[in-house]
Amino acid sequence: MNLNKQNWTIKRFEKIAFNISERVEPENTTLNKYIGLEHLDSGKIKIDRYGTPDEVIGTKLKVYKGDVIFGKRRAYQRKAATVEFDAICSAHSMVLRANKKEILKSLFPFFLHSDLFMNRAIEISEGSLSPTIKWRTLANQEFPLPPLSEQTQIAELFQSIETAIEQAEQQEKNLRRLCKSLIDGFVSDKPSFGNLLKGKQLVKVRFTEVADKLLRKIDPVAYGIERIVAGENLESEDFKIRTWGTVGKDFLGPAFHVLFKPGDILYGSRRTYLKKVALADFEGVCANTTYVICADEKTLLQDLLKHIMLSEKFTQYSIGVSKGSTNPYINWKDLDNFTFEIPDLATQREMANVLDEIVAVIEQLKTQKQTLENLKQKLLNEI
């Protein structure tokens, strides 16, 4: 892309965009969608979810289709997204509308996500606990802009990257639905798994009959363990452990004395509706509230067990037997009454291979998506 930046002009932000501050009372509007800051995802220019006006109180802002909601509070979270429908939104947002005489509507949200804009927004934020941007301050900030003729080329480039990201996201969602459908069909009152279970003899088993909780108590420092895995390091419906703490650097509480090894299943026993099931690919230490589980592979494959633990039937059972209200937890012994049916080991291997192949493709799509996100940000900052 050949860009002649000598043709670019410096513009105050108030010339680039308008601040739309139309006030709305939630109980007096006919609109049926509410967008809070919690509905905006960091780095994303589109909105995938929303609430309703009857869920909130207090004066809100009206936002029209095509406007951009910018999180003026805690700008470091990089929240700015185009709205594709009329709605009301949080008063902790700014509703920005591109000035079509200065910037293309299609380029505007990408401009807001550039480091040039976001870093400036962070700099001019006021307050310590919840830094916030004032419109009059933002309005006077100056930014270089290319002429409209060049903006078309730039917008098309970023839109093509955004389309590729959306396609990868949709493929990932489709595969997740397929994986869920297969495992939920298997862990049901009438087990099914495509054609693999047809004509197969199934055996009903209890969970604790085919799986053990491992309690290898160690002193992490004396043992030489480097990695600490807490509950927040386990992600919902994601077998891979992507983050961890470090012994000697991060907090190591007295409960963190359970050793896990590669191939062990880690299960979050608190708030089991979060579906935190991981397959360790390194050695580390976790708290005793994270169960370390190993299948009896004479009867049940570990590779299949992890999928079973993400099934809807298992999740609903664990929620039903959990104790406590604010931070519900499940005792190991309470898993004893969870029953399901399994085929022979050879069939289990075929099933696990199918599910693991789907998970592998999902992982590839996540990597592809992240690569595209990085490329988009790099180009944004260069341009």
Protein backbone atom coordinates (compact mmCIF):
# COMPACT_ATOMS: atom_id res chain seq x y z
CA MET A 1 0.00 0.00 0.00
CA ASN A 2 1.51 3.28 -1.11
CA LEU A 3 0.59 6.08 1.26
CA ASN A 4 1.85 9.62 0.82
CA LYS A 5 1.69 10.98 4.34
CA GLN A 6 2.67 14.42 3.13
CA ASN A 7 -0.98 14.75 2.07
CA TRP A 8 -2.23 14.00 5.57
CA THR A 9 -3.64 16.83 7.68
CA ILE A 10 -3.80 17.35 11.43
CA LYS A 11 -7.37 17.47 12.74
CA ARG A 12 -8.84 18.09 16.17
CA PHE A 13 -10.95 15.15 17.31
CA GLU A 14 -14.08 17.31 17.48
CA LYS A 15 -13.73 17.70 13.68
CA ILE A 16 -13.28 13.94 13.19
CA ALA A 17 -16.25 12.81 15.29
CA PHE A 18 -19.38 14.11 17.00
CA ASN A 19 -20.23 13.33 20.61
CA ILE A 20 -23.90 12.23 20.71
CA SER A 21 -25.27 12.82 24.21
CA GLU A 22 -29.00 12.13 23.83
CA ARG A 23 -30.29 11.05 27.27
CA VAL A 24 -32.79 8.25 27.86
CA GLU A 25 -34.57 6.87 30.92
CA PRO A 26 -34.68 3.04 30.61
CA GLU A 27 -38.29 2.83 31.81
CA ASN A 28 -39.46 5.37 29.22
CA THR A 29 -37.91 3.95 26.06
CA THR A 30 -39.40 1.70 23.38
CA LEU A 31 -35.94 0.35 22.54
CA ASN A 32 -35.35 -3.22 23.68
CA LYS A 33 -31.56 -3.46 23.80
CA TYR A 34 -29.08 -2.15 26.38
CA ILE A 35 -25.30 -2.15 25.89
CA GLY A 36 -23.12 -1.81 28.95
CA LEU A 37 -19.32 -1.71 29.05
CA GLU A 38 -19.47 -5.39 30.01
CA HIS A 39 -20.92 -6.11 26.56
CA LEU A 40 -17.89 -4.62 24.79
CA ASP A 41 -14.88 -6.88 24.24
CA SER A 42 -11.37 -5.46 24.33
CA GLY A 43 -10.00 -4.96 20.82
CA LYS A 44 -13.22 -5.93 19.01
CA ILE A 45 -15.06 -3.52 16.73
CA LYS A 46 -18.40 -5.38 16.80
CA ILE A 47 -20.88 -6.15 19.58
CA ASP A 48 -21.96 -9.76 19.98
CA ARG A 49 -24.16 -9.51 23.07
CA TYR A 50 -26.36 -7.07 24.97
CA GLY A 51 -28.89 -6.81 27.78
CA THR A 52 -32.32 -5.19 28.06
CA PRO A 53 -33.40 -1.79 29.48
CA ASP A 54 -35.40 -3.43 32.29
CA GLU A 55 -32.12 -4.77 33.72
CA VAL A 56 -30.73 -1.29 34.48
CA ILE A 57 -31.66 1.92 36.27
CA GLY A 58 -30.58 5.52 35.90
CA THR A 59 -30.19 7.78 32.88
CA LYS A 60 -28.55 6.19 29.83
CA LEU A 61 -27.45 7.35 26.38
CA LYS A 62 -29.26 6.66 23.15
CA VAL A 63 -27.15 5.13 20.40
CA TYR A 64 -28.16 4.83 16.75
CA LYS A 65 -27.23 2.18 14.22
CA GLY A 66 -23.77 2.94 12.85
CA ASP A 67 -22.58 4.93 15.88
CA VAL A 68 -19.58 3.78 17.91
CA ILE A 69 -19.71 3.16 21.65
CA PHE A 70 -16.39 4.08 23.25
CA GLY A 71 -15.62 3.14 26.85
CA LYS A 72 -14.53 6.49 28.29
CA ARG A 73 -13.95 4.88 31.69
CA ARG A 74 -10.76 2.78 31.96
CA ALA A 75 -9.69 3.48 28.39
CA TYR A 76 -6.78 1.03 28.82
CA GLN A 77 -9.36 -1.73 28.31
CA ARG A 78 -9.53 -0.61 24.64
CA LYS A 79 -13.29 -0.88 24.24
CA ALA A 80 -14.80 0.72 21.14
CA ALA A 81 -17.37 -0.99 18.92
CA THR A 82 -19.82 -0.15 16.16
CA VAL A 83 -23.51 -0.68 16.97
CA GLU A 84 -25.59 -2.41 14.29
CA PHE A 85 -28.97 -1.50 15.80
CA ASP A 86 -30.62 1.31 17.77
CA ALA A 87 -30.22 0.86 21.53
CA ILE A 88 -29.46 2.56 24.82
CA CYS A 89 -26.01 2.31 26.40
CA SER A 90 -24.11 2.98 29.59
CA ALA A 91 -23.53 6.59 30.60
CA HIS A 92 -19.92 5.53 31.26
CA SER A 93 -19.56 5.41 27.48
CA MET A 94 -19.24 8.02 24.79
CA VAL A 95 -21.45 7.68 21.74
CA LEU A 96 -19.29 8.81 18.83
CA ARG A 97 -20.44 9.43 15.26
CA ALA A 98 -17.95 9.78 12.42
CA ASN A 99 -17.92 13.11 10.62
CA LYS A 100 -18.23 11.85 7.05
CA LYS A 101 -16.59 15.01 5.72
CA GLU A 102 -13.37 14.03 7.48
CA ILE A 103 -13.31 10.26 8.02
CA LEU A 104 -15.05 7.28 6.46
CA LYS A 105 -17.61 5.61 8.67
CA SER A 106 -16.00 2.23 7.83
CA LEU A 107 -12.54 3.43 8.89
CA PHE A 108 -13.56 5.25 12.07
CA PRO A 109 -13.72 2.23 14.47
CA PHE A 110 -10.31 1.01 13.26
CA PHE A 111 -8.87 4.49 13.85
CA LEU A 112 -10.18 4.36 17.44
CA HIS A 113 -8.37 1.05 18.01
CA SER A 114 -4.99 2.35 16.86
CA ASP A 115 -2.31 2.82 19.52
CA LEU A 116 -2.12 6.46 18.39
CA PHE A 117 -5.67 7.09 19.61
CA MET A 118 -5.85 4.66 22.53
CA ASN A 119 -2.56 5.75 24.10
CA ARG A 120 -3.69 9.37 23.89
CA ALA A 121 -7.03 8.45 25.46
CA ILE A 122 -5.21 6.79 28.36
CA GLU A 123 -2.94 9.83 28.82
CA ILE A 124 -5.82 12.31 29.09
CA SER A 125 -7.95 10.17 31.42
CA GLU A 126 -8.57 11.72 34.84
CA GLY A 127 -8.80 9.96 38.19
CA SER A 128 -6.92 7.09 39.79
CA LEU A 129 -9.41 4.38 40.80
CA SER A 130 -11.55 4.67 37.70
CA PRO A 131 -9.82 7.00 35.20
CA THR A 132 -12.32 8.68 32.88
CA ILE A 133 -12.10 10.86 29.76
CA LYS A 134 -13.96 14.16 29.45
CA TRP A 135 -15.31 15.05 26.02
CA ARG A 136 -13.99 18.61 26.14
CA THR A 137 -10.48 17.24 26.67
CA LEU A 138 -10.75 14.58 23.98
CA ALA A 139 -12.33 17.08 21.55
CA ASN A 140 -9.15 19.21 21.54
CA GLN A 141 -6.74 16.34 20.84
CA GLU A 142 -5.10 16.44 17.40
CA PHE A 143 -4.55 13.47 15.08
CA PRO A 144 -3.19 13.10 11.53
CA LEU A 145 -5.72 11.95 8.94
CA PRO A 146 -5.25 10.86 5.31
CA PRO A 147 -7.50 12.35 2.61
CA LEU A 148 -10.79 10.54 1.99
CA SER A 149 -9.48 9.07 -1.27
CA GLU A 150 -6.75 7.18 0.63
CA GLN A 151 -9.07 6.26 3.49
CA THR A 152 -11.09 4.02 1.17
CA GLN A 153 -8.06 1.87 0.42
CA ILE A 154 -7.09 1.67 4.09
CA ALA A 155 -10.64 0.81 5.21
CA GLU A 156 -10.92 -1.98 2.63
CA LEU A 157 -7.66 -3.51 3.88
CA PHE A 158 -8.80 -3.59 7.50
CA GLN A 159 -12.28 -4.78 6.59
CA SER A 160 -10.77 -7.73 4.71
CA ILE A 161 -8.75 -8.68 7.80
CA GLU A 162 -11.82 -8.24 10.00
CA THR A 163 -13.86 -10.48 7.68
CA ALA A 164 -11.19 -13.20 7.92
CA ILE A 165 -11.27 -12.93 11.72
CA GLU A 166 -15.07 -13.23 11.75
CA GLN A 167 -14.95 -16.28 9.47
CA ALA A 168 -12.45 -17.98 11.79
CA GLU A 169 -14.67 -17.14 14.78
CA GLN A 170 -17.73 -18.61 13.06
CA GLN A 171 -15.89 -21.79 12.14
CA GLU A 172 -14.73 -22.10 15.75
CA LYS A 173 -18.31 -21.67 17.02
CA ASN A 174 -19.60 -24.29 14.56
CA LEU A 175 -16.97 -26.80 15.65
CA ARG A 176 -17.66 -26.15 19.32
CA ARG A 177 -21.35 -26.83 18.70
CA LEU A 178 -20.47 -30.06 16.88
CA CYS A 179 -18.18 -31.22 19.71
CA LYS A 180 -20.84 -30.40 22.31
CA SER A 181 -23.53 -32.18 20.32
CA LEU A 182 -21.42 -35.33 20.03
CA ILE A 183 -20.44 -35.54 23.70
CA ASP A 184 -23.93 -34.58 24.96
CA GLY A 185 -25.39 -37.30 22.72
CA PHE A 186 -22.99 -39.82 24.20
CA VAL A 187 -23.51 -38.83 27.84
CA SER A 188 -27.29 -39.16 27.76
CA ASP A 189 -30.03 -41.61 28.66
CA LYS A 190 -29.83 -42.99 25.12
CA PRO A 191 -26.12 -42.80 24.21
CA SER A 192 -25.30 -42.02 20.60
CA PHE A 193 -22.16 -40.98 18.72
CA GLY A 194 -22.78 -41.03 15.01
CA ASN A 195 -22.48 -44.64 13.84
CA LEU A 196 -19.73 -45.61 16.29
CA LEU A 197 -22.03 -46.94 19.02
CA LYS A 198 -24.42 -48.85 16.77
CA GLY A 199 -24.42 -52.52 17.76
CA LYS A 200 -21.98 -51.89 20.62
CA GLN A 201 -22.44 -53.31 24.11
CA LEU A 202 -22.39 -50.51 26.67
CA VAL A 203 -21.61 -50.81 30.37
CA LYS A 204 -23.04 -48.45 32.99
CA VAL A 205 -20.41 -47.12 35.41
CA ARG A 206 -20.24 -44.70 38.34
CA PHE A 207 -17.85 -41.77 38.06
CA THR A 208 -15.66 -42.61 41.07
CA GLU A 209 -15.60 -46.24 39.93
CA VAL A 210 -13.65 -45.34 36.80
CA ALA A 211 -11.79 -42.18 37.95
CA ASP A 212 -9.55 -41.40 40.91
CA LYS A 213 -8.71 -38.13 42.63
CA LEU A 214 -4.94 -37.90 43.04
CA LEU A 215 -3.66 -36.16 46.15
CA ARG A 216 0.12 -35.95 45.84
CA LYS A 217 0.96 -33.59 48.72
CA ILE A 218 4.33 -31.87 48.32
CA ASP A 219 6.32 -28.83 49.41
CA PRO A 220 6.52 -26.96 46.07
CA VAL A 221 9.76 -25.16 46.97
CA ALA A 222 11.57 -28.27 48.24
CA TYR A 223 10.26 -30.31 45.31
CA GLY A 224 11.52 -27.74 42.81
CA ILE A 225 8.15 -26.97 41.21
CA GLU A 226 8.14 -23.82 39.07
CA ARG A 227 4.50 -23.35 38.03
CA ILE A 228 1.44 -22.56 40.15
CA VAL A 229 -2.02 -23.11 38.64
CA ALA A 230 -4.91 -21.39 40.45
CA GLY A 231 -8.60 -21.51 39.60
CA GLU A 232 -8.36 -18.33 37.54
CA ASN A 233 -5.74 -19.98 35.34
CA LEU A 234 -8.30 -22.54 34.16
CA GLU A 235 -10.51 -21.25 31.35
CA SER A 236 -14.10 -22.28 30.76
CA GLU A 237 -14.48 -25.11 28.22
CA ASP A 238 -10.77 -25.03 27.32
CA PHE A 239 -8.57 -28.06 27.96
CA LYS A 240 -5.34 -26.09 27.58
CA ILE A 241 -3.73 -24.30 30.55
CA ARG A 242 -2.55 -21.03 29.03
CA THR A 243 -1.47 -19.03 32.10
CA TRP A 244 0.12 -19.80 35.45
CA GLY A 245 2.00 -18.28 38.35
CA THR A 246 5.64 -18.80 39.28
CA VAL A 247 6.94 -20.23 42.58
CA GLY A 248 9.12 -17.66 44.30
CA LYS A 249 7.56 -14.79 42.40
CA ASP A 250 3.78 -15.11 42.80
CA PHE A 251 1.70 -15.80 45.93
CA LEU A 252 1.88 -19.42 47.06
CA GLY A 253 -0.87 -20.07 49.61
CA PRO A 254 -0.83 -22.99 52.05
CA ALA A 255 -3.51 -24.81 50.00
CA PHE A 256 -1.20 -25.01 46.99
CA HIS A 257 0.45 -28.31 47.80
CA VAL A 258 -1.10 -30.73 45.26
CA LEU A 259 1.26 -31.93 42.55
CA PHE A 260 -0.08 -32.56 39.05
CA LYS A 261 1.79 -34.08 36.12
CA PRO A 262 1.43 -34.03 32.33
CA GLY A 263 -1.66 -35.99 31.30
CA ASP A 264 -3.58 -35.34 34.54
CA ILE A 265 -7.04 -33.75 34.37
CA LEU A 266 -7.52 -30.61 36.47
CA TYR A 267 -11.09 -29.83 37.53
CA GLY A 268 -12.33 -26.68 39.26
CA SER A 269 -14.51 -27.94 42.12
CA ARG A 270 -15.88 -24.47 42.91
CA ARG A 271 -18.59 -22.91 40.74
CA THR A 272 -18.72 -25.98 38.54
CA TYR A 273 -21.10 -24.21 36.15
CA LEU A 274 -17.95 -22.51 34.81
CA LYS A 275 -16.95 -25.86 33.23
CA LYS A 276 -13.26 -25.64 34.10
CA VAL A 277 -11.70 -28.89 32.91
CA ALA A 278 -8.07 -28.90 31.74
CA LEU A 279 -5.57 -31.51 30.58
CA ALA A 280 -2.14 -30.68 31.98
CA ASP A 281 0.79 -30.64 29.55
CA PHE A 282 3.37 -29.67 32.19
CA GLU A 283 4.17 -30.39 35.85
CA GLY A 284 2.97 -27.95 38.48
CA VAL A 285 1.18 -27.42 41.76
CA CYS A 286 -2.46 -26.49 42.40
CA ALA A 287 -4.71 -25.90 45.40
CA ASN A 288 -6.72 -28.71 46.96
CA THR A 289 -9.89 -27.09 45.57
CA THR A 290 -8.68 -28.04 42.09
CA TYR A 291 -9.14 -31.78 41.74
CA VAL A 292 -6.39 -33.73 40.00
CA ILE A 293 -8.10 -36.64 38.28
CA CYS A 294 -6.92 -39.75 36.48
CA ALA A 295 -9.12 -42.33 34.76
CA ASP A 296 -8.75 -46.07 35.35
CA GLU A 297 -7.58 -46.76 31.80
CA LYS A 298 -8.42 -50.45 32.06
CA THR A 299 -12.03 -49.27 31.82
CA LEU A 300 -12.11 -45.65 30.64
CA LEU A 301 -9.65 -43.64 28.57
CA GLN A 302 -8.36 -40.41 30.07
CA ASP A 303 -8.73 -38.76 26.66
CA LEU A 304 -12.46 -39.53 26.67
CA LEU A 305 -13.00 -38.70 30.36
CA LYS A 306 -12.06 -35.04 29.89
CA HIS A 307 -14.76 -34.69 27.23
CA ILE A 308 -17.34 -36.46 29.42
CA MET A 309 -16.63 -33.91 32.16
CA LEU A 310 -17.63 -31.11 29.79
CA SER A 311 -20.94 -32.73 28.89
CA GLU A 312 -24.16 -30.96 29.85
CA LYS A 313 -25.31 -33.95 31.90
CA PHE A 314 -22.14 -33.95 34.01
CA THR A 315 -22.27 -30.16 34.46
CA GLN A 316 -25.90 -30.17 35.57
CA TYR A 317 -25.26 -33.05 37.96
CA SER A 318 -22.26 -31.27 39.54
CA ILE A 319 -24.29 -28.07 39.95
CA GLY A 320 -27.13 -30.02 41.56
CA VAL A 321 -24.95 -31.65 44.24
CA SER A 322 -22.76 -28.60 44.95
CA LYS A 323 -23.00 -27.05 48.42
CA GLY A 324 -23.02 -23.38 49.38
CA SER A 325 -24.67 -20.34 47.79
CA THR A 326 -22.09 -17.59 47.23
CA ASN A 327 -19.22 -19.92 46.27
CA PRO A 328 -20.74 -23.38 45.65
CA TYR A 329 -18.35 -26.34 45.71
CA ILE A 330 -18.60 -30.05 45.08
CA ASN A 331 -17.17 -32.79 47.29
CA TRP A 332 -15.39 -35.65 45.54
CA LYS A 333 -17.62 -38.25 47.16
CA ASP A 334 -20.70 -36.51 45.73
CA LEU A 335 -19.55 -37.46 42.23
CA ASP A 336 -20.02 -41.14 43.08
CA ASN A 337 -23.68 -41.17 42.04
CA PHE A 338 -23.02 -39.76 38.58
CA THR A 339 -23.49 -42.64 36.16
CA PHE A 340 -22.97 -42.98 32.43
CA GLU A 341 -22.47 -45.73 29.88
CA ILE A 342 -19.24 -46.57 28.05
CA PRO A 343 -18.32 -48.93 25.19
CA ASP A 344 -15.17 -51.06 24.82
CA LEU A 345 -11.76 -49.36 24.87
CA ALA A 346 -11.24 -49.61 21.09
CA THR A 347 -14.49 -47.73 20.45
CA GLN A 348 -13.57 -45.21 23.14
CA ARG A 349 -10.30 -44.57 21.31
CA GLU A 350 -12.16 -43.88 18.06
CA MET A 351 -14.53 -41.49 19.85
CA ALA A 352 -11.71 -39.68 21.65
CA ASN A 353 -9.81 -39.31 18.37
CA VAL A 354 -12.81 -37.69 16.68
CA LEU A 355 -13.32 -35.26 19.56
CA ASP A 356 -9.61 -34.46 19.90
CA GLU A 357 -9.32 -33.78 16.17
CA ILE A 358 -12.14 -31.25 16.45
CA VAL A 359 -10.41 -29.63 19.44
CA ALA A 360 -7.13 -29.50 17.46
CA VAL A 361 -8.82 -27.65 14.58
CA ILE A 362 -10.42 -25.24 17.08
CA GLU A 363 -6.95 -24.56 18.48
CA GLN A 364 -5.63 -23.90 14.97
CA LEU A 365 -8.47 -21.44 14.36
CA LYS A 366 -7.70 -19.64 17.63
CA THR A 367 -4.06 -19.32 16.56
CA GLN A 368 -5.10 -18.10 13.11
CA LYS A 369 -7.45 -15.56 14.69
CA GLN A 370 -4.73 -14.27 17.03
CA THR A 371 -2.28 -13.98 14.12
CA LEU A 372 -4.82 -11.90 12.18
CA GLU A 373 -5.50 -9.72 15.25
CA ASN A 374 -1.77 -9.10 15.64
CA LEU A 375 -1.44 -8.27 11.93
CA LYS A 376 -4.37 -5.86 12.13
CA GLN A 377 -2.88 -4.03 15.12
CA LYS A 378 0.58 -3.90 13.53
CA LEU A 379 -0.81 -2.39 10.32
CA LEU A 380 -3.00 0.03 12.27
CA ASN A 381 0.01 1.33 14.15
CA GLU A 382 2.20 1.53 11.03
CA ILE A 383 -0.43 3.40 9.02
